[in-house]
N, C-alpha and C. Protein backbone atom coordinates (compact mmCIF):
# COMPACT_ATOMS: atom_id res chain seq x y z
N UNK A 1 -5.13 -44.40 9.97
CA UNK A 1 -5.71 -43.08 10.14
C UNK A 1 -6.28 -42.61 8.78
N UNK A 2 -7.44 -42.04 8.84
CA UNK A 2 -8.07 -41.51 7.63
C UNK A 2 -7.36 -40.23 7.22
N UNK A 3 -7.05 -40.11 5.93
CA UNK A 3 -6.44 -38.89 5.41
C UNK A 3 -7.53 -37.98 4.86
N UNK A 4 -7.43 -36.71 5.19
CA UNK A 4 -8.36 -35.72 4.65
C UNK A 4 -7.73 -35.08 3.43
N UNK A 5 -8.45 -35.17 2.32
CA UNK A 5 -7.93 -34.65 1.06
C UNK A 5 -8.63 -33.36 0.66
N UNK A 6 -7.91 -32.55 -0.10
CA UNK A 6 -8.46 -31.35 -0.72
C UNK A 6 -7.71 -31.16 -2.04
N UNK A 7 -7.94 -30.03 -2.69
CA UNK A 7 -7.34 -29.84 -4.01
C UNK A 7 -5.82 -29.76 -3.95
N UNK A 8 -5.25 -29.45 -2.80
CA UNK A 8 -3.80 -29.34 -2.70
C UNK A 8 -3.10 -30.69 -2.60
N UNK A 9 -3.75 -31.72 -2.07
CA UNK A 9 -3.08 -33.01 -1.89
C UNK A 9 -3.80 -34.18 -2.58
N UNK A 10 -4.88 -33.90 -3.28
CA UNK A 10 -5.65 -34.98 -3.91
C UNK A 10 -4.83 -35.73 -4.96
N UNK A 11 -4.32 -35.01 -5.95
CA UNK A 11 -3.60 -35.66 -7.06
C UNK A 11 -2.40 -36.45 -6.56
N UNK A 12 -1.62 -35.88 -5.66
CA UNK A 12 -0.43 -36.59 -5.18
C UNK A 12 -0.81 -37.85 -4.40
N UNK A 13 -1.90 -37.79 -3.64
CA UNK A 13 -2.33 -38.97 -2.89
C UNK A 13 -2.80 -40.06 -3.83
N UNK A 14 -3.61 -39.70 -4.81
CA UNK A 14 -4.14 -40.69 -5.76
C UNK A 14 -3.02 -41.29 -6.61
N UNK A 15 -2.08 -40.46 -7.04
CA UNK A 15 -1.04 -40.91 -7.96
C UNK A 15 0.16 -41.57 -7.28
N UNK A 16 0.35 -41.31 -5.99
CA UNK A 16 1.53 -41.85 -5.29
C UNK A 16 1.22 -43.05 -4.41
N UNK A 17 0.00 -43.56 -4.48
CA UNK A 17 -0.39 -44.74 -3.71
C UNK A 17 -1.08 -45.72 -4.64
N UNK A 18 -0.82 -47.01 -4.43
CA UNK A 18 -1.40 -48.03 -5.31
C UNK A 18 -2.92 -48.06 -5.22
N UNK A 19 -3.45 -48.11 -3.99
CA UNK A 19 -4.89 -48.24 -3.78
C UNK A 19 -5.37 -47.15 -2.82
N UNK A 20 -6.40 -46.42 -3.24
CA UNK A 20 -6.96 -45.34 -2.42
C UNK A 20 -8.48 -45.43 -2.46
N UNK A 21 -9.10 -45.38 -1.29
CA UNK A 21 -10.56 -45.27 -1.17
C UNK A 21 -10.86 -43.84 -0.75
N UNK A 22 -11.69 -43.16 -1.53
CA UNK A 22 -12.07 -41.77 -1.24
C UNK A 22 -13.55 -41.73 -0.91
N UNK A 23 -13.87 -41.16 0.26
CA UNK A 23 -15.25 -40.95 0.69
C UNK A 23 -15.58 -39.47 0.54
N UNK A 24 -16.49 -39.14 -0.37
CA UNK A 24 -17.00 -37.77 -0.46
C UNK A 24 -18.12 -37.64 0.57
N UNK A 25 -17.99 -36.66 1.47
CA UNK A 25 -18.92 -36.54 2.59
C UNK A 25 -19.19 -35.07 2.90
N UNK A 26 -20.13 -34.86 3.85
CA UNK A 26 -20.37 -33.52 4.42
C UNK A 26 -20.61 -33.69 5.91
N UNK A 27 -20.24 -32.67 6.67
CA UNK A 27 -20.41 -32.73 8.13
C UNK A 27 -21.86 -32.87 8.55
N UNK A 28 -22.79 -32.33 7.77
CA UNK A 28 -24.20 -32.34 8.13
C UNK A 28 -24.92 -33.62 7.70
N UNK A 29 -24.24 -34.51 7.03
CA UNK A 29 -24.85 -35.71 6.42
C UNK A 29 -24.90 -36.86 7.42
N UNK A 30 -26.11 -37.26 7.82
CA UNK A 30 -26.30 -38.36 8.76
C UNK A 30 -25.71 -39.68 8.28
N UNK A 31 -26.02 -40.10 7.03
CA UNK A 31 -25.42 -41.34 6.54
C UNK A 31 -23.89 -41.29 6.49
N UNK A 32 -23.34 -40.12 6.21
CA UNK A 32 -21.88 -39.97 6.19
C UNK A 32 -21.31 -40.22 7.59
N UNK A 33 -21.99 -39.69 8.60
CA UNK A 33 -21.55 -39.91 9.98
C UNK A 33 -21.65 -41.38 10.34
N UNK A 34 -22.68 -42.06 9.85
CA UNK A 34 -22.86 -43.48 10.13
C UNK A 34 -21.75 -44.32 9.50
N UNK A 35 -21.24 -43.88 8.37
CA UNK A 35 -20.20 -44.61 7.65
C UNK A 35 -18.82 -44.43 8.28
N UNK A 36 -18.61 -43.34 8.98
CA UNK A 36 -17.28 -42.98 9.48
C UNK A 36 -16.61 -44.06 10.35
N UNK A 37 -17.29 -44.68 11.31
CA UNK A 37 -16.61 -45.71 12.12
C UNK A 37 -16.06 -46.87 11.29
N UNK A 38 -16.79 -47.29 10.26
CA UNK A 38 -16.31 -48.38 9.40
C UNK A 38 -15.06 -47.93 8.63
N UNK A 39 -15.04 -46.67 8.19
CA UNK A 39 -13.87 -46.15 7.49
C UNK A 39 -12.65 -46.09 8.41
N UNK A 40 -12.87 -45.72 9.67
CA UNK A 40 -11.78 -45.70 10.65
C UNK A 40 -11.20 -47.10 10.81
N UNK A 41 -12.07 -48.11 10.91
CA UNK A 41 -11.62 -49.49 11.04
C UNK A 41 -10.86 -49.93 9.79
N UNK A 42 -11.36 -49.57 8.61
CA UNK A 42 -10.67 -49.91 7.37
C UNK A 42 -9.29 -49.27 7.31
N UNK A 43 -9.18 -48.04 7.78
CA UNK A 43 -7.88 -47.36 7.78
C UNK A 43 -6.87 -48.16 8.62
N UNK A 44 -7.32 -48.72 9.72
CA UNK A 44 -6.44 -49.55 10.55
C UNK A 44 -6.18 -50.90 9.89
N UNK A 45 -7.24 -51.53 9.38
CA UNK A 45 -7.13 -52.87 8.79
C UNK A 45 -6.23 -52.88 7.55
N UNK A 46 -6.29 -51.83 6.75
CA UNK A 46 -5.56 -51.79 5.48
C UNK A 46 -4.33 -50.90 5.55
N UNK A 47 -3.89 -50.54 6.74
CA UNK A 47 -2.72 -49.68 6.89
C UNK A 47 -1.53 -50.30 6.16
N UNK A 48 -0.92 -49.52 5.26
CA UNK A 48 0.20 -50.01 4.49
C UNK A 48 -0.18 -50.68 3.18
N UNK A 49 -1.48 -50.99 3.01
CA UNK A 49 -1.94 -51.64 1.78
C UNK A 49 -2.87 -50.76 0.97
N UNK A 50 -3.57 -49.83 1.65
CA UNK A 50 -4.50 -48.91 0.98
C UNK A 50 -4.63 -47.64 1.82
N UNK A 51 -4.87 -46.54 1.14
CA UNK A 51 -5.11 -45.27 1.81
C UNK A 51 -6.62 -45.05 1.88
N UNK A 52 -7.13 -44.80 3.08
CA UNK A 52 -8.55 -44.50 3.27
C UNK A 52 -8.62 -42.99 3.49
N UNK A 53 -9.43 -42.31 2.68
CA UNK A 53 -9.43 -40.85 2.72
C UNK A 53 -10.85 -40.30 2.61
N UNK A 54 -10.97 -39.01 2.97
CA UNK A 54 -12.25 -38.32 2.92
C UNK A 54 -12.07 -36.96 2.27
N UNK A 55 -13.12 -36.54 1.55
CA UNK A 55 -13.16 -35.20 0.97
C UNK A 55 -14.48 -34.56 1.36
N UNK A 56 -14.41 -33.42 2.01
CA UNK A 56 -15.60 -32.68 2.40
C UNK A 56 -16.11 -31.91 1.17
N UNK A 57 -17.32 -32.28 0.71
CA UNK A 57 -17.85 -31.68 -0.52
C UNK A 57 -18.16 -30.20 -0.35
N UNK A 58 -18.48 -29.77 0.87
CA UNK A 58 -18.78 -28.35 1.08
C UNK A 58 -17.51 -27.49 0.99
N UNK A 59 -16.39 -28.05 1.40
CA UNK A 59 -15.12 -27.31 1.37
C UNK A 59 -14.37 -27.53 0.06
N UNK A 60 -14.76 -28.54 -0.71
CA UNK A 60 -14.07 -28.89 -1.95
C UNK A 60 -15.06 -29.14 -3.08
N UNK A 61 -15.90 -28.13 -3.41
CA UNK A 61 -16.91 -28.34 -4.44
C UNK A 61 -16.32 -28.65 -5.82
N UNK A 62 -15.10 -28.16 -6.09
CA UNK A 62 -14.50 -28.42 -7.39
C UNK A 62 -14.17 -29.91 -7.56
N UNK A 63 -13.72 -30.57 -6.49
CA UNK A 63 -13.45 -32.01 -6.58
C UNK A 63 -14.74 -32.80 -6.70
N UNK A 64 -15.76 -32.39 -5.96
CA UNK A 64 -17.07 -33.06 -6.07
C UNK A 64 -17.61 -32.92 -7.48
N UNK A 65 -17.46 -31.76 -8.07
CA UNK A 65 -17.94 -31.54 -9.44
C UNK A 65 -17.12 -32.35 -10.44
N UNK A 66 -15.81 -32.39 -10.24
CA UNK A 66 -14.92 -33.13 -11.14
C UNK A 66 -15.34 -34.60 -11.24
N UNK A 67 -15.78 -35.18 -10.11
CA UNK A 67 -16.17 -36.59 -10.09
C UNK A 67 -17.68 -36.79 -10.17
N UNK A 68 -18.39 -35.70 -10.47
CA UNK A 68 -19.84 -35.74 -10.66
C UNK A 68 -20.58 -36.38 -9.48
N UNK A 69 -20.16 -35.99 -8.27
CA UNK A 69 -20.80 -36.49 -7.06
C UNK A 69 -22.15 -35.81 -6.93
N UNK A 70 -23.21 -36.60 -6.94
CA UNK A 70 -24.58 -36.06 -6.88
C UNK A 70 -25.25 -36.36 -5.54
N UNK A 71 -24.78 -37.41 -4.86
CA UNK A 71 -25.31 -37.74 -3.53
C UNK A 71 -24.16 -38.25 -2.68
N UNK A 72 -24.31 -38.09 -1.39
CA UNK A 72 -23.26 -38.51 -0.45
C UNK A 72 -23.87 -39.41 0.62
N UNK A 73 -23.09 -40.28 1.20
CA UNK A 73 -21.69 -40.54 0.90
C UNK A 73 -21.51 -41.19 -0.47
N UNK A 74 -20.42 -40.84 -1.11
CA UNK A 74 -20.04 -41.43 -2.40
C UNK A 74 -18.62 -41.95 -2.27
N UNK A 75 -18.44 -43.23 -2.54
CA UNK A 75 -17.14 -43.87 -2.40
C UNK A 75 -16.53 -44.10 -3.78
N UNK A 76 -15.27 -43.73 -3.92
CA UNK A 76 -14.52 -43.95 -5.15
C UNK A 76 -13.28 -44.76 -4.81
N UNK A 77 -13.10 -45.86 -5.52
CA UNK A 77 -11.94 -46.72 -5.34
C UNK A 77 -10.97 -46.47 -6.48
N UNK A 78 -9.71 -46.16 -6.15
CA UNK A 78 -8.68 -45.89 -7.14
C UNK A 78 -7.58 -46.95 -7.05
N UNK A 79 -7.08 -47.36 -8.20
CA UNK A 79 -5.89 -48.19 -8.25
C UNK A 79 -4.96 -47.60 -9.30
N UNK A 80 -3.73 -47.34 -8.88
CA UNK A 80 -2.73 -46.75 -9.76
C UNK A 80 -3.26 -45.49 -10.46
N UNK A 81 -3.97 -44.66 -9.71
CA UNK A 81 -4.45 -43.37 -10.22
C UNK A 81 -5.74 -43.42 -11.02
N UNK A 82 -6.30 -44.60 -11.25
CA UNK A 82 -7.52 -44.75 -12.05
C UNK A 82 -8.69 -45.21 -11.19
N UNK A 83 -9.89 -44.72 -11.49
CA UNK A 83 -11.09 -45.19 -10.78
C UNK A 83 -11.38 -46.62 -11.21
N UNK A 84 -11.49 -47.51 -10.24
CA UNK A 84 -11.79 -48.92 -10.53
C UNK A 84 -13.11 -49.36 -9.92
N UNK A 85 -13.78 -48.45 -9.20
CA UNK A 85 -15.08 -48.78 -8.63
C UNK A 85 -15.68 -47.60 -7.90
N UNK A 86 -17.00 -47.60 -7.80
CA UNK A 86 -17.72 -46.57 -7.05
C UNK A 86 -18.88 -47.20 -6.30
N UNK A 87 -19.30 -46.56 -5.23
CA UNK A 87 -20.48 -46.96 -4.48
C UNK A 87 -21.14 -45.69 -3.94
N UNK A 88 -22.46 -45.71 -3.87
CA UNK A 88 -23.20 -44.59 -3.29
C UNK A 88 -23.96 -45.08 -2.07
N UNK A 89 -24.04 -44.21 -1.06
CA UNK A 89 -24.78 -44.56 0.14
C UNK A 89 -23.91 -45.29 1.15
N UNK A 90 -24.50 -45.56 2.30
CA UNK A 90 -23.79 -46.26 3.37
C UNK A 90 -23.55 -47.70 2.96
N UNK A 91 -22.31 -48.14 3.10
CA UNK A 91 -21.92 -49.51 2.80
C UNK A 91 -21.45 -50.18 4.09
N UNK A 92 -21.60 -51.49 4.16
CA UNK A 92 -21.11 -52.20 5.33
C UNK A 92 -19.59 -52.33 5.25
N UNK A 93 -18.98 -52.50 6.39
CA UNK A 93 -17.53 -52.68 6.42
C UNK A 93 -17.14 -53.91 5.60
N UNK A 94 -17.93 -54.96 5.68
CA UNK A 94 -17.58 -56.19 4.96
C UNK A 94 -17.60 -55.98 3.44
N UNK A 95 -18.54 -55.21 2.95
CA UNK A 95 -18.59 -54.93 1.50
C UNK A 95 -17.38 -54.11 1.08
N UNK A 96 -17.05 -53.09 1.85
CA UNK A 96 -15.89 -52.26 1.50
C UNK A 96 -14.60 -53.06 1.62
N UNK A 97 -14.50 -53.92 2.63
CA UNK A 97 -13.34 -54.79 2.80
C UNK A 97 -13.17 -55.70 1.59
N UNK A 98 -14.28 -56.27 1.14
CA UNK A 98 -14.25 -57.16 -0.02
C UNK A 98 -13.76 -56.42 -1.26
N UNK A 99 -14.29 -55.22 -1.49
CA UNK A 99 -13.88 -54.42 -2.66
C UNK A 99 -12.39 -54.08 -2.59
N UNK A 100 -11.94 -53.62 -1.43
CA UNK A 100 -10.53 -53.25 -1.29
C UNK A 100 -9.62 -54.47 -1.48
N UNK A 101 -10.00 -55.59 -0.90
CA UNK A 101 -9.19 -56.81 -1.03
C UNK A 101 -9.10 -57.23 -2.49
N UNK A 102 -10.22 -57.19 -3.21
CA UNK A 102 -10.21 -57.56 -4.63
C UNK A 102 -9.37 -56.60 -5.47
N UNK A 103 -9.43 -55.32 -5.15
CA UNK A 103 -8.64 -54.32 -5.87
C UNK A 103 -7.15 -54.54 -5.63
N UNK A 104 -6.79 -54.80 -4.40
CA UNK A 104 -5.38 -55.03 -4.06
C UNK A 104 -4.86 -56.27 -4.79
N UNK A 105 -5.67 -57.31 -4.85
CA UNK A 105 -5.25 -58.56 -5.50
C UNK A 105 -5.20 -58.46 -7.02
N UNK A 106 -5.98 -57.53 -7.61
CA UNK A 106 -6.06 -57.47 -9.08
C UNK A 106 -4.83 -56.83 -9.70
């Protein structure tokens, strides 16, 4: 299941999980909607190994600003609380799977 993050649970989620993928999105964003099914599949595929999460930039502008999100969807990969990768735009499930697998193994 995809976790929805905001300023109240962001830090604890990032710091209390080994691997976290964060998707910065907006409800009105077509590419963000196109990416959502792949994220749902990743949440199931990586259950117990990585947290798949989303942050709505319209409801959480301070987090979007903190990470200098300029376009959405914007993907941030965290390992042990640190950013280890980013991607902008719609990505295929296979590309995201590859990134997550490599991060988990590293």
